[in-house]
Amino acid sequence: MEVLQELALQTISLYHFLTPYLTPLTSTLTSAYTQIYPIALPYLNRLLILAHDSPALVSVALLLLFLLLAMRILGAVQRLVVWWFRLMVRTAFLWGRGGAGVCGLAAGAGEDGG
């Protein structure tokens, strides 16, 4: 319970700290909302009626959205794996040009220092 109270206190203090900076943004968003709402409402209403009339279309759209999200996650995982692989290769081969790298240590391990 103390953790929640501390988190609430930090959130309130952060809100009070950021209020002067957020006020212009809030007023801009409010004015944009009041101007766009009457224009977008009929189109949104038609879109919702279309979605209600054909639930298969909604299912296909959700499936495509899920596929897009999965591809983005897999792309991020691929970049992460490639970054780690390059880091390991550079550590093993390029960092040890003077014989201090992993390959240099492995090659030097077979020698008998005499």
PDB file of N, CA and C in Angstrom:
ATOM      1  N   MET A   1       0.815  -1.185   0.000  1.00  0.00           N
ATOM      2  CA  MET A   1       0.000   0.000   0.000  1.00  0.00           C
ATOM      3  C   MET A   1       0.863   1.255   0.000  1.00  0.00           C
ATOM      4  N   GLU A   2       2.000   1.179   0.661  1.00  0.00           N
ATOM      5  CA  GLU A   2       2.886   2.334   0.712  1.00  0.00           C
ATOM      6  C   GLU A   2       3.464   2.638  -0.669  1.00  0.00           C
ATOM      7  N   VAL A   3       3.675   1.592  -1.441  1.00  0.00           N
ATOM      8  CA  VAL A   3       4.212   1.783  -2.781  1.00  0.00           C
ATOM      9  C   VAL A   3       3.223   2.562  -3.641  1.00  0.00           C
ATOM     10  N   LEU A   4       1.941   2.225  -3.522  1.00  0.00           N
ATOM     11  CA  LEU A   4       0.921   2.932  -4.285  1.00  0.00           C
ATOM     12  C   LEU A   4       0.808   4.383  -3.848  1.00  0.00           C
ATOM     13  N   GLN A   5       0.900   4.630  -2.551  1.00  0.00           N
ATOM     14  CA  GLN A   5       0.830   6.005  -2.063  1.00  0.00           C
ATOM     15  C   GLN A   5       2.034   6.807  -2.546  1.00  0.00           C
ATOM     16  N   GLU A   6       3.200   6.196  -2.530  1.00  0.00           N
ATOM     17  CA  GLU A   6       4.409   6.884  -3.005  1.00  0.00           C
ATOM     18  C   GLU A   6       4.316   7.155  -4.506  1.00  0.00           C
ATOM     19  N   LEU A   7       3.796   6.193  -5.259  1.00  0.00           N
ATOM     20  CA  LEU A   7       3.631   6.376  -6.693  1.00  0.00           C
ATOM     21  C   LEU A   7       2.623   7.483  -6.983  1.00  0.00           C
ATOM     22  N   ALA A   8       1.530   7.515  -6.231  1.00  0.00           N
ATOM     23  CA  ALA A   8       0.531   8.571  -6.414  1.00  0.00           C
ATOM     24  C   ALA A   8       1.122   9.934  -6.090  1.00  0.00           C
ATOM     25  N   LEU A   9       1.915  10.019  -5.036  1.00  0.00           N
ATOM     26  CA  LEU A   9       2.538  11.282  -4.667  1.00  0.00           C
ATOM     27  C   LEU A   9       3.518  11.750  -5.745  1.00  0.00           C
ATOM     28  N   GLN A  10       4.302  10.826  -6.284  1.00  0.00           N
ATOM     29  CA  GLN A  10       5.235  11.183  -7.352  1.00  0.00           C
ATOM     30  C   GLN A  10       4.497  11.617  -8.616  1.00  0.00           C
ATOM     31  N   THR A  11       3.383  10.944  -8.912  1.00  0.00           N
ATOM     32  CA  THR A  11       2.600  11.302 -10.095  1.00  0.00           C
ATOM     33  C   THR A  11       1.992  12.693  -9.952  1.00  0.00           C
ATOM     34  N   ILE A  12       1.466  12.998  -8.785  1.00  0.00           N
ATOM     35  CA  ILE A  12       0.871  14.314  -8.546  1.00  0.00           C
ATOM     36  C   ILE A  12       1.935  15.401  -8.605  1.00  0.00           C
ATOM     37  N   SER A  13       3.088  15.151  -8.017  1.00  0.00           N
ATOM     38  CA  SER A  13       4.152  16.166  -8.053  1.00  0.00           C
ATOM     39  C   SER A  13       4.661  16.360  -9.481  1.00  0.00           C
ATOM     40  N   LEU A  14       4.749  15.291 -10.257  1.00  0.00           N
ATOM     41  CA  LEU A  14       5.168  15.413 -11.652  1.00  0.00           C
ATOM     42  C   LEU A  14       4.135  16.190 -12.457  1.00  0.00           C
ATOM     43  N   TYR A  15       2.861  15.942 -12.181  1.00  0.00           N
ATOM     44  CA  TYR A  15       1.796  16.669 -12.872  1.00  0.00           C
ATOM     45  C   TYR A  15       1.875  18.166 -12.562  1.00  0.00           C
ATOM     46  N   HIS A  16       2.071  18.504 -11.300  1.00  0.00           N
ATOM     47  CA  HIS A  16       2.164  19.917 -10.926  1.00  0.00           C
ATOM     48  C   HIS A  16       3.421  20.560 -11.509  1.00  0.00           C
ATOM     49  N   PHE A  17       4.483  19.797 -11.637  1.00  0.00           N
ATOM     50  CA  PHE A  17       5.710  20.328 -12.224  1.00  0.00           C
ATOM     51  C   PHE A  17       5.539  20.594 -13.721  1.00  0.00           C
ATOM     52  N   LEU A  18       4.814  19.703 -14.414  1.00  0.00           N
ATOM     53  CA  LEU A  18       4.672  19.812 -15.863  1.00  0.00           C
ATOM     54  C   LEU A  18       3.470  20.626 -16.318  1.00  0.00           C
ATOM     55  N   THR A  19       2.619  21.064 -15.410  1.00  0.00           N
ATOM     56  CA  THR A  19       1.411  21.804 -15.779  1.00  0.00           C
ATOM     57  C   THR A  19       1.697  23.040 -16.629  1.00  0.00           C
ATOM     58  N   PRO A  20       2.667  23.883 -16.309  1.00  0.00           N
ATOM     59  CA  PRO A  20       2.903  25.047 -17.182  1.00  0.00           C
ATOM     60  C   PRO A  20       3.315  24.667 -18.602  1.00  0.00           C
ATOM     61  N   TYR A  21       3.966  23.536 -18.748  1.00  0.00           N
ATOM     62  CA  TYR A  21       4.400  23.111 -20.073  1.00  0.00           C
ATOM     63  C   TYR A  21       3.289  22.408 -20.845  1.00  0.00           C
ATOM     64  N   LEU A  22       2.374  21.774 -20.124  1.00  0.00           N
ATOM     65  CA  LEU A  22       1.300  21.020 -20.773  1.00  0.00           C
ATOM     66  C   LEU A  22       0.080  21.865 -21.102  1.00  0.00           C
ATOM     67  N   THR A  23      -0.062  23.026 -20.494  1.00  0.00           N
ATOM     68  CA  THR A  23      -1.243  23.856 -20.707  1.00  0.00           C
ATOM     69  C   THR A  23      -1.394  24.288 -22.173  1.00  0.00           C
ATOM     70  N   PRO A  24      -0.342  24.784 -22.837  1.00  0.00           N
ATOM     71  CA  PRO A  24      -0.525  25.133 -24.261  1.00  0.00           C
ATOM     72  C   PRO A  24      -0.869  23.923 -25.133  1.00  0.00           C
ATOM     73  N   LEU A  25      -0.273  22.793 -24.845  1.00  0.00           N
ATOM     74  CA  LEU A  25      -0.570  21.585 -25.607  1.00  0.00           C
ATOM     75  C   LEU A  25      -2.018  21.159 -25.398  1.00  0.00           C
ATOM     76  N   THR A  26      -2.479  21.225 -24.165  1.00  0.00           N
ATOM     77  CA  THR A  26      -3.855  20.845 -23.858  1.00  0.00           C
ATOM     78  C   THR A  26      -4.844  21.762 -24.552  1.00  0.00           C
ATOM     79  N   SER A  27      -4.571  23.067 -24.540  1.00  0.00           N
ATOM     80  CA  SER A  27      -5.492  24.000 -25.199  1.00  0.00           C
ATOM     81  C   SER A  27      -5.486  23.798 -26.715  1.00  0.00           C
ATOM     82  N   THR A  28      -4.336  23.496 -27.291  1.00  0.00           N
ATOM     83  CA  THR A  28      -4.261  23.240 -28.731  1.00  0.00           C
ATOM     84  C   THR A  28      -5.034  21.983 -29.097  1.00  0.00           C
ATOM     85  N   LEU A  29      -4.865  20.928 -28.312  1.00  0.00           N
ATOM     86  CA  LEU A  29      -5.597  19.679 -28.583  1.00  0.00           C
ATOM     87  C   LEU A  29      -7.095  19.861 -28.410  1.00  0.00           C
ATOM     88  N   THR A  30      -7.500  20.646 -27.428  1.00  0.00           N
ATOM     89  CA  THR A  30      -8.922  20.888 -27.207  1.00  0.00           C
ATOM     90  C   THR A  30      -9.532  21.655 -28.366  1.00  0.00           C
ATOM     91  N   SER A  31      -8.836  22.676 -28.839  1.00  0.00           N
ATOM     92  CA  SER A  31      -9.367  23.440 -29.976  1.00  0.00           C
ATOM     93  C   SER A  31      -9.396  22.597 -31.241  1.00  0.00           C
ATOM     94  N   ALA A  32      -8.385  21.754 -31.445  1.00  0.00           N
ATOM     95  CA  ALA A  32      -8.385  20.866 -32.611  1.00  0.00           C
ATOM     96  C   ALA A  32      -9.531  19.869 -32.526  1.00  0.00           C
ATOM     97  N   TYR A  33      -9.800  19.363 -31.330  1.00  0.00           N
ATOM     98  CA  TYR A  33     -10.889  18.411 -31.144  1.00  0.00           C
ATOM     99  C   TYR A  33     -12.230  19.060 -31.446  1.00  0.00           C
ATOM    100  N   THR A  34     -12.436  20.290 -30.964  1.00  0.00           N
ATOM    101  CA  THR A  34     -13.722  20.956 -31.202  1.00  0.00           C
ATOM    102  C   THR A  34     -13.908  21.314 -32.674  1.00  0.00           C
ATOM    103  N   GLN A  35     -12.841  21.494 -33.424  1.00  0.00           N
ATOM    104  CA  GLN A  35     -12.967  21.801 -34.845  1.00  0.00           C
ATOM    105  C   GLN A  35     -13.102  20.545 -35.702  1.00  0.00           C
ATOM    106  N   ILE A  36     -12.444  19.475 -35.328  1.00  0.00           N
ATOM    107  CA  ILE A  36     -12.448  18.256 -36.139  1.00  0.00           C
ATOM    108  C   ILE A  36     -13.664  17.374 -35.847  1.00  0.00           C
ATOM    109  N   TYR A  37     -14.184  17.419 -34.629  1.00  0.00           N
ATOM    110  CA  TYR A  37     -15.267  16.523 -34.217  1.00  0.00           C
ATOM    111  C   TYR A  37     -16.493  16.619 -35.125  1.00  0.00           C
ATOM    112  N   PRO A  38     -17.014  17.811 -35.443  1.00  0.00           N
ATOM    113  CA  PRO A  38     -18.203  17.846 -36.313  1.00  0.00           C
ATOM    114  C   PRO A  38     -17.934  17.344 -37.730  1.00  0.00           C
ATOM    115  N   ILE A  39     -16.703  17.466 -38.193  1.00  0.00           N
ATOM    116  CA  ILE A  39     -16.373  17.008 -39.545  1.00  0.00           C
ATOM    117  C   ILE A  39     -16.195  15.495 -39.573  1.00  0.00           C
ATOM    118  N   ALA A  40     -15.551  14.948 -38.561  1.00  0.00           N
ATOM    119  CA  ALA A  40     -15.227  13.517 -38.548  1.00  0.00           C
ATOM    120  C   ALA A  40     -16.368  12.642 -38.065  1.00  0.00           C
ATOM    121  N   LEU A  41     -17.327  13.197 -37.357  1.00  0.00           N
ATOM    122  CA  LEU A  41     -18.404  12.385 -36.783  1.00  0.00           C
ATOM    123  C   LEU A  41     -19.218  11.635 -37.829  1.00  0.00           C
ATOM    124  N   PRO A  42     -19.666  12.240 -38.930  1.00  0.00           N
ATOM    125  CA  PRO A  42     -20.433  11.448 -39.911  1.00  0.00           C
ATOM    126  C   PRO A  42     -19.635  10.309 -40.538  1.00  0.00           C
ATOM    127  N   TYR A  43     -18.356  10.567 -40.814  1.00  0.00           N
ATOM    128  CA  TYR A  43     -17.530   9.511 -41.397  1.00  0.00           C
ATOM    129  C   TYR A  43     -17.301   8.373 -40.407  1.00  0.00           C
ATOM    130  N   LEU A  44     -17.078   8.725 -39.167  1.00  0.00           N
ATOM    131  CA  LEU A  44     -16.897   7.704 -38.142  1.00  0.00           C
ATOM    132  C   LEU A  44     -18.177   6.912 -37.930  1.00  0.00           C
ATOM    133  N   ASN A  45     -19.301   7.581 -37.995  1.00  0.00           N
ATOM    134  CA  ASN A  45     -20.591   6.908 -37.844  1.00  0.00           C
ATOM    135  C   ASN A  45     -20.813   5.927 -38.984  1.00  0.00           C
ATOM    136  N   ARG A  46     -20.504   6.334 -40.217  1.00  0.00           N
ATOM    137  CA  ARG A  46     -20.634   5.422 -41.359  1.00  0.00           C
ATOM    138  C   ARG A  46     -19.709   4.219 -41.221  1.00  0.00           C
ATOM    139  N   LEU A  47     -18.490   4.473 -40.758  1.00  0.00           N
ATOM    140  CA  LEU A  47     -17.522   3.387 -40.579  1.00  0.00           C
ATOM    141  C   LEU A  47     -18.018   2.389 -39.532  1.00  0.00           C
ATOM    142  N   LEU A  48     -18.575   2.876 -38.445  1.00  0.00           N
ATOM    143  CA  LEU A  48     -19.088   1.977 -37.417  1.00  0.00           C
ATOM    144  C   LEU A  48     -20.314   1.207 -37.887  1.00  0.00           C
ATOM    145  N   ILE A  49     -21.160   1.831 -38.687  1.00  0.00           N
ATOM    146  CA  ILE A  49     -22.310   1.113 -39.249  1.00  0.00           C
ATOM    147  C   ILE A  49     -21.833   0.013 -40.197  1.00  0.00           C
ATOM    148  N   LEU A  50     -20.824   0.323 -41.010  1.00  0.00           N
ATOM    149  CA  LEU A  50     -20.258  -0.687 -41.911  1.00  0.00           C
ATOM    150  C   LEU A  50     -19.643  -1.835 -41.127  1.00  0.00           C
ATOM    151  N   ALA A  51     -18.940  -1.522 -40.043  1.00  0.00           N
ATOM    152  CA  ALA A  51     -18.340  -2.571 -39.216  1.00  0.00           C
ATOM    153  C   ALA A  51     -19.412  -3.413 -38.539  1.00  0.00           C
ATOM    154  N   HIS A  52     -20.526  -2.793 -38.167  1.00  0.00           N
ATOM    155  CA  HIS A  52     -21.600  -3.547 -37.528  1.00  0.00           C
ATOM    156  C   HIS A  52     -22.299  -4.454 -38.531  1.00  0.00           C
ATOM    157  N   ASP A  53     -22.435  -4.000 -39.767  1.00  0.00           N
ATOM    158  CA  ASP A  53     -23.121  -4.793 -40.784  1.00  0.00           C
ATOM    159  C   ASP A  53     -22.287  -5.963 -41.292  1.00  0.00           C
ATOM    160  N   SER A  54     -20.965  -5.833 -41.301  1.00  0.00           N
ATOM    161  CA  SER A  54     -20.121  -6.923 -41.798  1.00  0.00           C
ATOM    162  C   SER A  54     -19.010  -7.221 -40.790  1.00  0.00           C
ATOM    163  N   PRO A  55     -19.283  -8.104 -39.838  1.00  0.00           N
ATOM    164  CA  PRO A  55     -18.267  -8.429 -38.833  1.00  0.00           C
ATOM    165  C   PRO A  55     -17.064  -9.180 -39.413  1.00  0.00           C
ATOM    166  N   ALA A  56     -17.218  -9.791 -40.576  1.00  0.00           N
ATOM    167  CA  ALA A  56     -16.080 -10.482 -41.199  1.00  0.00           C
ATOM    168  C   ALA A  56     -15.010  -9.475 -41.596  1.00  0.00           C
ATOM    169  N   LEU A  57     -15.433  -8.301 -42.020  1.00  0.00           N
ATOM    170  CA  LEU A  57     -14.492  -7.251 -42.386  1.00  0.00           C
ATOM    171  C   LEU A  57     -13.674  -6.810 -41.176  1.00  0.00           C
ATOM    172  N   VAL A  58     -14.332  -6.732 -40.033  1.00  0.00           N
ATOM    173  CA  VAL A  58     -13.642  -6.369 -38.797  1.00  0.00           C
ATOM    174  C   VAL A  58     -12.650  -7.459 -38.409  1.00  0.00           C
ATOM    175  N   SER A  59     -13.039  -8.701 -38.590  1.00  0.00           N
ATOM    176  CA  SER A  59     -12.145  -9.811 -38.269  1.00  0.00           C
ATOM    177  C   SER A  59     -10.901  -9.790 -39.152  1.00  0.00           C
ATOM    178  N   VAL A  60     -11.077  -9.532 -40.428  1.00  0.00           N
ATOM    179  CA  VAL A  60      -9.937  -9.464 -41.346  1.00  0.00           C
ATOM    180  C   VAL A  60      -9.036  -8.283 -40.981  1.00  0.00           C
ATOM    181  N   ALA A  61      -9.640  -7.149 -40.628  1.00  0.00           N
ATOM    182  CA  ALA A  61      -8.848  -5.979 -40.244  1.00  0.00           C
ATOM    183  C   ALA A  61      -8.055  -6.250 -38.970  1.00  0.00           C
ATOM    184  N   LEU A  62      -8.664  -6.909 -38.002  1.00  0.00           N
ATOM    185  CA  LEU A  62      -7.953  -7.247 -36.771  1.00  0.00           C
ATOM    186  C   LEU A  62      -6.841  -8.251 -37.040  1.00  0.00           C
ATOM    187  N   LEU A  63      -7.094  -9.196 -37.935  1.00  0.00           N
ATOM    188  CA  LEU A  63      -6.063 -10.166 -38.298  1.00  0.00           C
ATOM    189  C   LEU A  63      -4.877  -9.479 -38.977  1.00  0.00           C
ATOM    190  N   LEU A  64      -5.159  -8.540 -39.866  1.00  0.00           N
ATOM    191  CA  LEU A  64      -4.082  -7.800 -40.516  1.00  0.00           C
ATOM    192  C   LEU A  64      -3.321  -6.927 -39.527  1.00  0.00           C
ATOM    193  N   LEU A  65      -4.035  -6.334 -38.584  1.00  0.00           N
ATOM    194  CA  LEU A  65      -3.377  -5.530 -37.558  1.00  0.00           C
ATOM    195  C   LEU A  65      -2.473  -6.393 -36.688  1.00  0.00           C
ATOM    196  N   PHE A  66      -2.948  -7.572 -36.326  1.00  0.00           N
ATOM    197  CA  PHE A  66      -2.138  -8.506 -35.543  1.00  0.00           C
ATOM    198  C   PHE A  66      -0.912  -8.951 -36.326  1.00  0.00           C
ATOM    199  N   LEU A  67      -1.090  -9.217 -37.616  1.00  0.00           N
ATOM    200  CA  LEU A  67       0.032  -9.619 -38.465  1.00  0.00           C
ATOM    201  C   LEU A  67       1.063  -8.498 -38.573  1.00  0.00           C
ATOM    202  N   LEU A  68       0.603  -7.278 -38.730  1.00  0.00           N
ATOM    203  CA  LEU A  68       1.510  -6.134 -38.798  1.00  0.00           C
ATOM    204  C   LEU A  68       2.282  -5.970 -37.500  1.00  0.00           C
ATOM    205  N   LEU A  69       1.595  -6.109 -36.386  1.00  0.00           N
ATOM    206  CA  LEU A  69       2.253  -6.004 -35.081  1.00  0.00           C
ATOM    207  C   LEU A  69       3.280  -7.119 -34.887  1.00  0.00           C
ATOM    208  N   ALA A  70       2.930  -8.327 -35.279  1.00  0.00           N
ATOM    209  CA  ALA A  70       3.861  -9.451 -35.149  1.00  0.00           C
ATOM    210  C   ALA A  70       5.092  -9.251 -36.023  1.00  0.00           C
ATOM    211  N   MET A  71       4.907  -8.715 -37.223  1.00  0.00           N
ATOM    212  CA  MET A  71       6.046  -8.470 -38.095  1.00  0.00           C
ATOM    213  C   MET A  71       6.953  -7.384 -37.530  1.00  0.00           C
ATOM    214  N   ARG A  72       6.378  -6.366 -36.910  1.00  0.00           N
ATOM    215  CA  ARG A  72       7.190  -5.315 -36.302  1.00  0.00           C
ATOM    216  C   ARG A  72       8.003  -5.881 -35.131  1.00  0.00           C
ATOM    217  N   ILE A  73       7.390  -6.729 -34.331  1.00  0.00           N
ATOM    218  CA  ILE A  73       8.099  -7.327 -33.196  1.00  0.00           C
ATOM    219  C   ILE A  73       9.209  -8.250 -33.695  1.00  0.00           C
ATOM    220  N   LEU A  74       8.914  -9.048 -34.703  1.00  0.00           N
ATOM    221  CA  LEU A  74       9.938  -9.941 -35.247  1.00  0.00           C
ATOM    222  C   LEU A  74      11.082  -9.162 -35.887  1.00  0.00           C
ATOM    223  N   GLY A  75      10.784  -8.038 -36.520  1.00  0.00           N
ATOM    224  CA  GLY A  75      11.839  -7.198 -37.077  1.00  0.00           C
ATOM    225  C   GLY A  75      12.741  -6.639 -35.991  1.00  0.00           C
ATOM    226  N   ALA A  76      12.137  -6.221 -34.876  1.00  0.00           N
ATOM    227  CA  ALA A  76      12.936  -5.711 -33.758  1.00  0.00           C
ATOM    228  C   ALA A  76      13.797  -6.820 -33.155  1.00  0.00           C
ATOM    229  N   VAL A  77      13.247  -8.010 -33.040  1.00  0.00           N
ATOM    230  CA  VAL A  77      14.019  -9.145 -32.510  1.00  0.00           C
ATOM    231  C   VAL A  77      15.165  -9.487 -33.457  1.00  0.00           C
ATOM    232  N   GLN A  78      14.903  -9.450 -34.759  1.00  0.00           N
ATOM    233  CA  GLN A  78      15.964  -9.734 -35.720  1.00  0.00           C
ATOM    234  C   GLN A  78      17.088  -8.705 -35.620  1.00  0.00           C
ATOM    235  N   ARG A  79      16.744  -7.427 -35.509  1.00  0.00           N
ATOM    236  CA  ARG A  79      17.781  -6.404 -35.376  1.00  0.00           C
ATOM    237  C   ARG A  79      18.577  -6.598 -34.098  1.00  0.00           C
ATOM    238  N   LEU A  80      17.906  -6.998 -33.035  1.00  0.00           N
ATOM    239  CA  LEU A  80      18.585  -7.232 -31.770  1.00  0.00           C
ATOM    240  C   LEU A  80      19.558  -8.409 -31.878  1.00  0.00           C
ATOM    241  N   VAL A  81      19.125  -9.488 -32.510  1.00  0.00           N
ATOM    242  CA  VAL A  81      19.987 -10.659 -32.671  1.00  0.00           C
ATOM    243  C   VAL A  81      21.181 -10.326 -33.562  1.00  0.00           C
ATOM    244  N   VAL A  82      20.950  -9.586 -34.635  1.00  0.00           N
ATOM    245  CA  VAL A  82      22.051  -9.207 -35.518  1.00  0.00           C
ATOM    246  C   VAL A  82      23.039  -8.301 -34.785  1.00  0.00           C
ATOM    247  N   TRP A  83      22.540  -7.387 -33.965  1.00  0.00           N
ATOM    248  CA  TRP A  83      23.428  -6.498 -33.214  1.00  0.00           C
ATOM    249  C   TRP A  83      24.306  -7.290 -32.252  1.00  0.00           C
ATOM    250  N   TRP A  84      23.707  -8.241 -31.523  1.00  0.00           N
ATOM    251  CA  TRP A  84      24.491  -9.058 -30.594  1.00  0.00           C
ATOM    252  C   TRP A  84      25.500  -9.927 -31.336  1.00  0.00           C
ATOM    253  N   PHE A  85      25.093 -10.476 -32.484  1.00  0.00           N
ATOM    254  CA  PHE A  85      26.011 -11.299 -33.270  1.00  0.00           C
ATOM    255  C   PHE A  85      27.202 -10.477 -33.748  1.00  0.00           C
ATOM    256  N   ARG A  86      26.933  -9.279 -34.258  1.00  0.00           N
ATOM    257  CA  ARG A  86      28.034  -8.416 -34.702  1.00  0.00           C
ATOM    258  C   ARG A  86      28.936  -8.027 -33.545  1.00  0.00           C
ATOM    259  N   LEU A  87      28.351  -7.792 -32.389  1.00  0.00           N
ATOM    260  CA  LEU A  87      29.151  -7.459 -31.215  1.00  0.00           C
ATOM    261  C   LEU A  87      30.072  -8.619 -30.841  1.00  0.00           C
ATOM    262  N   MET A  88      29.556  -9.830 -30.873  1.00  0.00           N
ATOM    263  CA  MET A  88      30.375 -10.994 -30.533  1.00  0.00           C
ATOM    264  C   MET A  88      31.482 -11.210 -31.563  1.00  0.00           C
ATOM    265  N   VAL A  89      31.152 -11.026 -32.846  1.00  0.00           N
ATOM    266  CA  VAL A  89      32.167 -11.205 -33.890  1.00  0.00           C
ATOM    267  C   VAL A  89      33.252 -10.153 -33.743  1.00  0.00           C
ATOM    268  N   ARG A  90      32.868  -8.920 -33.506  1.00  0.00           N
ATOM    269  CA  ARG A  90      33.863  -7.869 -33.338  1.00  0.00           C
ATOM    270  C   ARG A  90      34.706  -8.107 -32.101  1.00  0.00           C
ATOM    271  N   THR A  91      34.086  -8.594 -31.048  1.00  0.00           N
ATOM    272  CA  THR A  91      34.837  -8.886 -29.826  1.00  0.00           C
ATOM    273  C   THR A  91      35.816 -10.025 -30.068  1.00  0.00           C
ATOM    274  N   ALA A  92      35.395 -11.029 -30.792  1.00  0.00           N
ATOM    275  CA  ALA A  92      36.233 -12.204 -30.992  1.00  0.00           C
ATOM    276  C   ALA A  92      37.363 -11.961 -31.982  1.00  0.00           C
ATOM    277  N   PHE A  93      37.090 -11.240 -33.064  1.00  0.00           N
ATOM    278  CA  PHE A  93      38.075 -11.145 -34.129  1.00  0.00           C
ATOM    279  C   PHE A  93      38.751  -9.780 -34.239  1.00  0.00           C
ATOM    280  N   LEU A  94      38.001  -8.728 -34.094  1.00  0.00           N
ATOM    281  CA  LEU A  94      38.564  -7.415 -34.362  1.00  0.00           C
ATOM    282  C   LEU A  94      39.201  -6.789 -33.127  1.00  0.00           C
ATOM    283  N   TRP A  95      38.650  -7.038 -31.968  1.00  0.00           N
ATOM    284  CA  TRP A  95      39.163  -6.434 -30.752  1.00  0.00           C
ATOM    285  C   TRP A  95      40.540  -6.984 -30.408  1.00  0.00           C
ATOM    286  N   GLY A  96      40.767  -8.232 -30.726  1.00  0.00           N
ATOM    287  CA  GLY A  96      42.009  -8.881 -30.331  1.00  0.00           C
ATOM    288  C   GLY A  96      43.058  -8.915 -31.405  1.00  0.00           C
ATOM    289  N   ARG A  97      43.278  -7.845 -32.104  1.00  0.00           N
ATOM    290  CA  ARG A  97      44.296  -7.829 -33.150  1.00  0.00           C
ATOM    291  C   ARG A  97      45.690  -8.026 -32.580  1.00  0.00           C
ATOM    292  N   GLY A  98      45.884  -7.633 -31.346  1.00  0.00           N
ATOM    293  CA  GLY A  98      47.196  -7.804 -30.744  1.00  0.00           C
ATOM    294  C   GLY A  98      47.356  -9.132 -30.041  1.00  0.00           C
ATOM    295  N   GLY A  99      46.450 -10.041 -30.228  1.00  0.00           N
ATOM    296  CA  GLY A  99      46.547 -11.347 -29.606  1.00  0.00           C
ATOM    297  C   GLY A  99      45.770 -11.452 -28.308  1.00  0.00           C
ATOM    298  N   ALA A 100      45.008 -10.403 -27.961  1.00  0.00           N
ATOM    299  CA  ALA A 100      44.278 -10.432 -26.701  1.00  0.00           C
ATOM    300  C   ALA A 100      42.823 -10.839 -26.874  1.00  0.00           C
ATOM    301  N   GLY A 101      42.381 -11.042 -28.107  1.00  0.00           N
ATOM    302  CA  GLY A 101      41.017 -11.416 -28.349  1.00  0.00           C
ATOM    303  C   GLY A 101      40.742 -12.877 -28.043  1.00  0.00           C
ATOM    304  N   VAL A 102      39.523 -13.292 -28.228  1.00  0.00           N
ATOM    305  CA  VAL A 102      39.139 -14.669 -27.938  1.00  0.00           C
ATOM    306  C   VAL A 102      39.886 -15.632 -28.861  1.00  0.00           C
ATOM    307  N   CYS A 103      39.959 -15.297 -30.151  1.00  0.00           N
ATOM    308  CA  CYS A 103      40.670 -16.170 -31.086  1.00  0.00           C
ATOM    309  C   CYS A 103      42.178 -16.154 -30.808  1.00  0.00           C
ATOM    310  N   GLY A 104      42.694 -14.991 -30.440  1.00  0.00           N
ATOM    311  CA  GLY A 104      44.106 -14.914 -30.101  1.00  0.00           C
ATOM    312  C   GLY A 104      44.431 -15.732 -28.874  1.00  0.00           C
ATOM    313  N   LEU A 105      43.545 -15.720 -27.894  1.00  0.00           N
ATOM    314  CA  LEU A 105      43.760 -16.527 -26.695  1.00  0.00           C
ATOM    315  C   LEU A 105      43.630 -18.012 -27.000  1.00  0.00           C
ATOM    316  N   ALA A 106      42.687 -18.351 -27.872  1.00  0.00           N
ATOM    317  CA  ALA A 106      42.524 -19.758 -28.226  1.00  0.00           C
ATOM    318  C   ALA A 106      43.713 -20.257 -29.026  1.00  0.00           C
ATOM    319  N   ALA A 107      44.263 -19.409 -29.898  1.00  0.00           N
ATOM    320  CA  ALA A 107      45.432 -19.821 -30.671  1.00  0.00           C
ATOM    321  C   ALA A 107      46.666 -19.901 -29.787  1.00  0.00           C
ATOM    322  N   GLY A 108      46.768 -19.024 -28.806  1.00  0.00           N
ATOM    323  CA  GLY A 108      47.927 -19.019 -27.931  1.00  0.00           C
ATOM    324  C   GLY A 108      47.885 -20.074 -26.858  1.00  0.00           C
ATOM    325  N   ALA A 109      46.732 -20.696 -26.661  1.00  0.00           N
ATOM    326  CA  ALA A 109      46.596 -21.687 -25.605  1.00  0.00           C
ATOM    327  C   ALA A 109      47.346 -22.977 -25.938  1.00  0.00           C
ATOM    328  N   GLY A 110      47.517 -23.259 -27.221  1.00  0.00           N
ATOM    329  CA  GLY A 110      48.189 -24.480 -27.622  1.00  0.00           C
ATOM    330  C   GLY A 110      49.720 -24.366 -27.564  1.00  0.00           C
ATOM    331  N   GLU A 111      50.202 -23.158 -27.491  1.00  0.00           N
ATOM    332  CA  GLU A 111      51.658 -22.980 -27.458  1.00  0.00           C
ATOM    333  C   GLU A 111      52.184 -23.239 -26.052  1.00  0.00           C
ATOM    334  N   ASP A 112      53.353 -23.777 -25.989  1.00  0.00           N
ATOM    335  CA  ASP A 112      53.975 -24.000 -24.673  1.00  0.00           C
ATOM    336  C   ASP A 112      54.993 -22.902 -24.449  1.00  0.00           C
ATOM    337  N   GLY A 113      54.823 -21.917 -23.839  1.00  0.00           N
ATOM    338  CA  GLY A 113      55.596 -20.715 -23.661  1.00  0.00           C
ATOM    339  C   GLY A 113      57.097 -20.891 -23.661  1.00  0.00           C
ATOM    340  N   GLY A 114      57.718 -21.938 -24.045  1.00  0.00           N
ATOM    341  CA  GLY A 114      59.160 -22.069 -23.931  1.00  0.00           C
ATOM    342  C   GLY A 114      59.799 -22.278 -25.182  1.00  0.00           C
TER     343      GLY A 114
END
